[in-house]
Amino acid sequence: MMQTEMLPSNLIVIPCLNEAAHIGALVHELRPAAERLGARIIVADGGSTDGTRAIVEEIAGKDPRVILLNNEKRLQSAAINLAIASYGDRAEYFIRIDAHGGYPPDYCDRLIEEALATGADSVVVSMLTSGSGMVQKAVAAAQNSKLGTGGSKHRHLSAGEWVDHGHHALMRISAFKAVGGYDETFSHNEDAELDYRLRRAGYRIWMSGKTQMIYYPRSSLAGLYFQYLGYGRGRAKNVLKHRMIPKVRQLVPLLVFPVVLLSAFFFVHWLAVMPLLVWASVCLGYGVWTAISQRNPDSALAGISAMVMHFGWSVGFWLQLLGPRSQPRRMA
């Protein structure tokens, strides 16, 4: 086990809003790691009204390592920036924790170990999706597949490698400050935007091969659509800000919204609907194949979930690219 006296001071930051159902258990699970690593646990709350603040205050009253911070801007990007500005002066690393995630007991330890072993300025992790209930299981199946994510590296287990981007887990605070932290105009995709600036400034990002997190997806297709609508907007903002060319795996779903619009002209010529039928057939066929191969009927809806993800992402991208610049959405 790593010795506290051998480690620099660290921060564990949890942005949250209305997480009364999860925050108490999450903080209690992180307290042993905070003690081992000489870390403070900063819960940056965006104005919860469901009792989240009272839960954190009660824990903080018994453990001085736990701190409740008021995040008036209500955005996750702002929550991290505020925590670093308030408590990061004498800390070496910060670890970002998602209130809806699941983490192994040694998660924080492994991140610190890999940062020290590799010299990485940022350690990112694989994000494996898990669900309960028919819709959430179908969404999880889609998000764990290449059809749903386009083969994004942080959606699959890694043996440990240098990468351009991944799910944010640990970052060296000096590097974070040097590039200006998160851009608070981003409500989504702020992690990829920051990774771009980190790499451009010469900092290195390591994908962990020793630990990962579990992500619990949206439990409704409507919630999934609006989530990916935000992701699409965020990616478009990233493209516009840095004049980037989207990757191939992003260009393919980018075509979905135009394909859907094209199908409206089927009355002019029946070929107008063919691209839509091909896309739908691939997605729905994937869902059926997954259900049969995994012997899991719930996975049959994975194709529908993938279609919702593709369509939401594509709509969001085009709305951001072609429409007026909108204000960032608050945490949900």
Protein backbone atom coordinates (compact mmCIF):
# COMPACT_ATOMS: atom_id res chain seq x y z
CA MET A 1 0.00 0.00 0.00
CA MET A 2 1.20 3.52 -0.78
CA GLN A 3 2.29 5.55 2.23
CA THR A 4 0.67 8.94 2.81
CA GLU A 5 3.92 10.58 3.86
CA MET A 6 5.53 9.68 0.52
CA LEU A 7 2.83 11.40 -1.50
CA PRO A 8 2.12 15.03 -2.34
CA SER A 9 -1.18 16.51 -1.21
CA ASN A 10 -4.04 15.76 -3.59
CA LEU A 11 -7.65 16.72 -4.25
CA ILE A 12 -10.64 14.51 -5.01
CA VAL A 13 -13.29 16.68 -6.67
CA ILE A 14 -16.96 15.70 -7.11
CA PRO A 15 -19.15 18.09 -9.13
CA CYS A 16 -22.79 17.44 -8.30
CA LEU A 17 -26.35 18.70 -8.44
CA ASN A 18 -29.27 16.98 -6.70
CA GLU A 19 -27.44 13.74 -5.96
CA ALA A 20 -28.99 12.89 -2.57
CA ALA A 21 -29.53 9.29 -3.65
CA HIS A 22 -25.82 8.74 -4.36
CA ILE A 23 -23.59 11.34 -2.72
CA GLY A 24 -23.49 9.95 0.82
CA ALA A 25 -22.39 6.46 -0.19
CA LEU A 26 -19.93 7.86 -2.73
CA VAL A 27 -18.19 10.15 -0.25
CA HIS A 28 -17.98 7.38 2.35
CA GLU A 29 -16.41 5.07 -0.25
CA LEU A 30 -13.78 7.71 -1.07
CA ARG A 31 -12.82 8.59 2.50
CA PRO A 32 -10.34 5.69 3.00
CA ALA A 33 -8.55 6.62 -0.24
CA ALA A 34 -8.45 10.27 0.82
CA GLU A 35 -6.80 9.27 4.08
CA ARG A 36 -4.25 7.03 2.34
CA LEU A 37 -3.37 9.65 -0.26
CA GLY A 38 -3.38 12.76 1.90
CA ALA A 39 -6.30 14.12 -0.10
CA ARG A 40 -9.22 16.44 0.50
CA ILE A 41 -12.63 15.51 -0.89
CA ILE A 42 -14.22 18.60 -2.44
CA VAL A 43 -17.94 18.29 -3.21
CA ALA A 44 -18.70 21.20 -5.55
CA ASP A 45 -22.48 21.52 -5.39
CA GLY A 46 -24.42 23.48 -8.00
CA GLY A 47 -27.32 24.47 -5.72
CA SER A 48 -28.99 21.16 -4.86
CA THR A 49 -32.50 21.27 -3.44
CA ASP A 50 -32.98 17.57 -2.68
CA GLY A 51 -30.96 17.29 0.54
CA THR A 52 -27.56 16.71 -1.07
CA ARG A 53 -25.99 19.62 0.76
CA ALA A 54 -27.25 18.48 4.15
CA ILE A 55 -25.81 15.01 3.58
CA VAL A 56 -22.39 16.40 2.68
CA GLU A 57 -22.45 18.89 5.56
CA GLU A 58 -23.16 16.08 8.02
CA ILE A 59 -20.20 14.06 6.72
CA ALA A 60 -17.96 17.13 6.68
CA GLY A 61 -18.85 17.81 10.31
CA LYS A 62 -17.28 14.48 11.23
CA ASP A 63 -14.40 14.45 8.75
CA PRO A 64 -12.35 17.62 8.09
CA ARG A 65 -11.06 16.13 4.84
CA VAL A 66 -14.55 16.55 3.32
CA ILE A 67 -15.43 20.06 2.12
CA LEU A 68 -18.67 21.37 0.63
CA LEU A 69 -18.10 24.06 -1.99
CA ASN A 70 -20.84 26.23 -3.48
CA ASN A 71 -20.68 26.18 -7.28
CA GLU A 72 -22.85 29.14 -8.26
CA LYS A 73 -22.23 28.64 -12.00
CA ARG A 74 -23.76 25.15 -11.78
CA LEU A 75 -21.57 23.71 -14.55
CA GLN A 76 -19.22 20.74 -14.07
CA SER A 77 -16.39 22.60 -15.76
CA ALA A 78 -16.88 25.53 -13.39
CA ALA A 79 -17.03 23.17 -10.41
CA ILE A 80 -13.58 21.77 -11.13
CA ASN A 81 -12.10 25.20 -11.84
CA LEU A 82 -13.52 26.54 -8.58
CA ALA A 83 -12.18 23.63 -6.53
CA ILE A 84 -8.70 24.02 -8.00
CA ALA A 85 -8.72 27.80 -7.51
CA SER A 86 -9.87 27.41 -3.90
CA TYR A 87 -7.79 24.45 -2.70
CA GLY A 88 -5.23 23.57 -5.38
CA ASP A 89 -2.31 25.80 -4.44
CA ARG A 90 -0.41 23.17 -2.44
CA ALA A 91 -1.78 20.08 -4.16
CA GLU A 92 0.01 18.06 -6.83
CA TYR A 93 -2.87 16.19 -8.48
CA PHE A 94 -6.64 16.31 -8.59
CA ILE A 95 -8.91 13.34 -9.24
CA ARG A 96 -12.26 14.01 -10.88
CA ILE A 97 -15.13 11.81 -9.69
CA ASP A 98 -18.55 11.63 -11.33
CA ALA A 99 -21.44 11.41 -8.88
CA HIS A 100 -23.22 8.84 -11.07
CA GLY A 101 -20.18 6.60 -11.50
CA GLY A 102 -19.03 3.39 -9.84
CA TYR A 103 -15.42 3.00 -8.72
CA PRO A 104 -13.26 0.15 -7.35
CA PRO A 105 -11.90 0.73 -3.81
CA ASP A 106 -8.33 1.25 -5.06
CA TYR A 107 -9.33 3.57 -7.94
CA CYS A 108 -7.57 6.68 -6.65
CA ASP A 109 -4.49 4.72 -5.54
CA ARG A 110 -4.01 3.20 -8.98
CA LEU A 111 -4.34 6.60 -10.67
CA ILE A 112 -1.63 8.12 -8.46
CA GLU A 113 0.60 5.09 -8.99
CA GLU A 114 0.36 5.35 -12.77
CA ALA A 115 0.93 9.10 -12.76
CA LEU A 116 4.11 8.63 -10.74
CA ALA A 117 5.28 5.62 -12.77
CA THR A 118 4.72 7.15 -16.22
CA GLY A 119 5.30 10.83 -15.49
CA ALA A 120 1.98 11.54 -17.21
CA ASP A 121 0.38 14.93 -16.74
CA SER A 122 -3.07 13.39 -17.06
CA VAL A 123 -4.29 9.85 -16.45
CA VAL A 124 -7.57 8.96 -18.12
CA VAL A 125 -9.59 5.78 -17.74
CA SER A 126 -11.81 3.39 -19.63
CA MET A 127 -15.49 3.99 -18.99
CA LEU A 128 -17.53 0.79 -19.02
CA THR A 129 -21.29 1.22 -19.09
CA SER A 130 -23.65 -0.86 -16.98
CA GLY A 131 -27.40 -0.66 -16.45
CA SER A 132 -30.43 -2.18 -14.79
CA GLY A 133 -33.84 -2.36 -16.40
CA MET A 134 -34.58 -2.98 -20.05
CA VAL A 135 -33.90 0.48 -21.46
CA GLN A 136 -30.78 1.15 -19.41
CA LYS A 137 -29.31 -2.26 -20.29
CA ALA A 138 -29.97 -1.58 -23.98
CA VAL A 139 -28.29 1.84 -23.72
CA ALA A 140 -25.34 0.23 -21.93
CA ALA A 141 -24.99 -2.35 -24.70
CA ALA A 142 -24.99 0.42 -27.32
CA GLN A 143 -22.49 2.56 -25.44
CA ASN A 144 -20.13 -0.39 -24.96
CA SER A 145 -20.16 -1.13 -28.70
CA LYS A 146 -18.29 0.27 -31.70
CA LEU A 147 -21.66 0.96 -33.32
CA GLY A 148 -22.59 3.33 -30.50
CA THR A 149 -19.23 4.96 -29.84
CA GLY A 150 -17.29 4.53 -33.07
CA GLY A 151 -14.47 2.66 -31.33
CA SER A 152 -13.56 5.45 -28.91
CA LYS A 153 -10.62 4.12 -26.87
CA HIS A 154 -11.93 5.16 -23.48
CA ARG A 155 -15.11 3.11 -24.06
CA HIS A 156 -13.09 -0.12 -24.01
CA LEU A 157 -10.57 -1.69 -21.63
CA SER A 158 -6.97 -0.66 -22.17
CA ALA A 159 -3.69 -2.34 -21.33
CA GLY A 160 -2.16 1.12 -20.73
CA GLU A 161 -1.11 3.49 -23.52
CA TRP A 162 -0.49 7.11 -24.46
CA VAL A 163 -3.62 8.67 -25.97
CA ASP A 164 -5.02 11.96 -27.27
CA HIS A 165 -8.17 11.85 -25.14
CA GLY A 166 -10.01 9.79 -22.56
CA HIS A 167 -12.44 9.99 -19.67
CA HIS A 168 -10.90 12.44 -17.20
CA ALA A 169 -9.72 10.89 -13.97
CA LEU A 170 -6.46 12.46 -12.69
CA MET A 171 -4.55 15.56 -13.73
CA ARG A 172 -1.45 17.35 -12.58
CA ILE A 173 -2.66 20.66 -11.19
CA SER A 174 0.27 22.64 -12.56
CA ALA A 175 -0.55 21.43 -16.09
CA PHE A 176 -4.25 22.14 -15.58
CA LYS A 177 -3.47 25.71 -14.50
CA ALA A 178 -0.87 26.25 -17.23
CA VAL A 179 -3.45 25.75 -19.99
CA GLY A 180 -6.18 27.71 -18.21
CA GLY A 181 -8.33 24.89 -16.82
CA TYR A 182 -11.69 23.94 -18.28
CA ASP A 183 -13.39 26.32 -20.70
CA GLU A 184 -16.58 27.22 -18.82
CA THR A 185 -18.45 28.05 -22.00
CA PHE A 186 -18.58 24.27 -22.61
CA SER A 187 -21.36 22.34 -20.88
CA HIS A 188 -20.40 19.16 -22.79
CA ASN A 189 -17.16 17.96 -24.37
CA GLU A 190 -15.15 20.17 -22.03
CA ASP A 191 -12.81 17.24 -21.37
CA ALA A 192 -11.91 16.74 -25.03
CA GLU A 193 -11.44 20.49 -25.46
CA LEU A 194 -9.04 20.61 -22.50
CA ASP A 195 -7.16 17.53 -23.76
CA TYR A 196 -6.59 19.30 -27.07
CA ARG A 197 -4.98 22.25 -25.28
CA LEU A 198 -2.93 19.95 -23.05
CA ARG A 199 -1.47 18.08 -26.01
CA ARG A 200 -0.83 21.29 -27.93
CA ALA A 201 1.12 22.61 -24.93
CA GLY A 202 3.26 19.46 -24.83
CA TYR A 203 1.62 17.66 -21.90
CA ARG A 204 1.09 13.89 -22.03
CA ILE A 205 -2.06 11.84 -21.43
CA TRP A 206 -1.90 8.21 -20.26
CA MET A 207 -4.79 5.76 -20.53
CA SER A 208 -4.81 3.60 -17.41
CA GLY A 209 -4.31 -0.11 -17.75
CA LYS A 210 -4.85 -0.74 -14.05
CA THR A 211 -8.26 0.70 -13.26
CA GLN A 212 -11.51 1.88 -14.83
CA MET A 213 -14.86 3.29 -13.84
CA ILE A 214 -18.43 2.11 -14.32
CA TYR A 215 -20.86 4.58 -15.87
CA TYR A 216 -24.60 4.28 -15.32
CA PRO A 217 -26.39 5.62 -18.43
CA ARG A 218 -29.70 7.40 -18.92
CA SER A 219 -32.71 5.21 -18.19
CA SER A 220 -34.97 6.78 -20.84
CA LEU A 221 -34.55 7.32 -24.56
CA ALA A 222 -35.63 10.95 -24.19
CA GLY A 223 -32.89 11.55 -21.62
CA LEU A 224 -30.40 9.77 -23.88
CA TYR A 225 -31.37 11.96 -26.84
CA PHE A 226 -30.88 15.22 -24.96
CA GLN A 227 -27.59 13.99 -23.52
CA TYR A 228 -26.23 13.29 -27.00
CA LEU A 229 -27.71 16.50 -28.33
CA GLY A 230 -25.43 18.24 -25.82
CA TYR A 231 -22.47 16.06 -26.81
CA GLY A 232 -22.98 16.99 -30.45
CA ARG A 233 -23.12 20.68 -29.61
CA GLY A 234 -19.98 20.35 -27.53
CA ARG A 235 -18.07 18.63 -30.32
CA ALA A 236 -19.12 21.31 -32.80
CA LYS A 237 -17.96 24.04 -30.40
CA ASN A 238 -14.64 22.25 -30.15
CA VAL A 239 -14.34 22.12 -33.94
CA LEU A 240 -15.22 25.81 -34.27
CA LYS A 241 -12.91 26.95 -31.46
CA HIS A 242 -9.82 25.06 -32.62
CA ARG A 243 -10.67 24.73 -36.34
CA MET A 244 -10.35 20.97 -36.05
CA ILE A 245 -11.40 18.34 -38.58
CA PRO A 246 -13.68 15.73 -36.98
CA LYS A 247 -12.38 12.16 -36.88
CA VAL A 248 -13.81 9.53 -39.20
CA ARG A 249 -15.77 7.92 -36.35
CA GLN A 250 -17.41 11.33 -35.79
CA LEU A 251 -18.03 12.08 -39.46
CA VAL A 252 -20.21 9.00 -39.93
CA PRO A 253 -22.89 9.89 -37.31
CA LEU A 254 -22.61 13.49 -38.47
CA LEU A 255 -24.41 12.37 -41.64
CA VAL A 256 -27.44 11.00 -39.77
CA PHE A 257 -29.42 14.24 -39.49
CA PRO A 258 -28.96 15.10 -43.20
CA VAL A 259 -29.98 11.53 -44.06
CA VAL A 260 -33.17 11.87 -42.03
CA LEU A 261 -33.95 15.19 -43.73
CA LEU A 262 -33.26 13.69 -47.14
CA SER A 263 -35.81 10.93 -46.50
CA ALA A 264 -38.56 13.59 -46.39
CA PHE A 265 -38.16 13.88 -50.18
CA PHE A 266 -39.14 10.27 -50.84
CA PHE A 267 -42.18 11.57 -52.74
CA VAL A 268 -39.79 13.07 -55.30
CA HIS A 269 -37.82 9.85 -55.71
CA TRP A 270 -37.84 6.66 -53.68
CA LEU A 271 -34.01 6.64 -53.53
CA ALA A 272 -34.18 9.55 -51.09
CA VAL A 273 -35.20 7.18 -48.32
CA MET A 274 -32.56 4.51 -49.03
CA PRO A 275 -29.74 5.96 -46.85
CA LEU A 276 -32.16 6.14 -43.91
CA LEU A 277 -33.24 2.53 -44.44
CA VAL A 278 -29.63 1.35 -44.65
CA TRP A 279 -28.69 3.15 -41.40
CA ALA A 280 -31.78 1.87 -39.58
CA SER A 281 -31.23 -1.68 -40.85
CA VAL A 282 -27.60 -1.71 -39.65
CA CYS A 283 -28.53 -0.41 -36.20
CA LEU A 284 -31.56 -2.63 -35.69
CA GLY A 285 -29.72 -5.65 -37.07
CA TYR A 286 -26.91 -5.02 -34.63
CA GLY A 287 -29.39 -5.02 -31.75
CA VAL A 288 -30.88 -8.36 -32.83
CA TRP A 289 -27.42 -9.88 -33.34
CA THR A 290 -26.32 -8.68 -29.89
CA ALA A 291 -29.40 -10.12 -28.22
CA ILE A 292 -28.88 -13.51 -29.90
CA SER A 293 -25.11 -13.70 -29.35
CA GLN A 294 -25.39 -12.64 -25.69
CA ARG A 295 -28.62 -14.54 -25.10
CA ASN A 296 -29.99 -11.37 -23.58
CA PRO A 297 -33.37 -10.14 -24.94
CA ASP A 298 -32.83 -6.71 -23.35
CA SER A 299 -29.97 -6.07 -25.79
CA ALA A 300 -32.37 -6.19 -28.73
CA LEU A 301 -33.08 -2.52 -28.08
CA ALA A 302 -29.38 -1.63 -28.34
CA GLY A 303 -29.87 -0.78 -32.01
CA ILE A 304 -32.66 1.67 -31.18
CA SER A 305 -30.47 3.21 -28.46
CA ALA A 306 -27.63 3.61 -30.96
CA MET A 307 -30.00 5.33 -33.40
CA VAL A 308 -31.09 7.77 -30.68
CA MET A 309 -27.44 8.47 -29.82
CA HIS A 310 -26.46 9.01 -33.47
CA PHE A 311 -29.45 11.22 -34.22
CA GLY A 312 -29.10 13.36 -31.08
CA TRP A 313 -25.37 13.84 -31.64
CA SER A 314 -25.88 14.75 -35.30
CA VAL A 315 -28.72 17.20 -34.58
CA GLY A 316 -26.70 18.85 -31.82
CA PHE A 317 -23.62 19.20 -34.01
CA TRP A 318 -25.49 20.80 -36.91
CA LEU A 319 -27.53 23.11 -34.65
CA GLN A 320 -24.33 24.39 -33.05
CA LEU A 321 -22.45 24.62 -36.34
CA LEU A 322 -25.14 26.45 -38.28
CA GLY A 323 -27.24 28.17 -35.63
CA PRO A 324 -26.68 31.03 -33.19
CA ARG A 325 -24.19 30.32 -30.43
CA SER A 326 -26.12 29.18 -27.36
CA GLN A 327 -25.34 29.52 -23.68
CA PRO A 328 -24.00 26.42 -21.94
CA ARG A 329 -26.55 24.16 -20.29
CA ARG A 330 -26.42 23.55 -16.58
CA MET A 331 -25.63 20.22 -15.00
CA ALA A 332 -28.43 17.67 -15.12
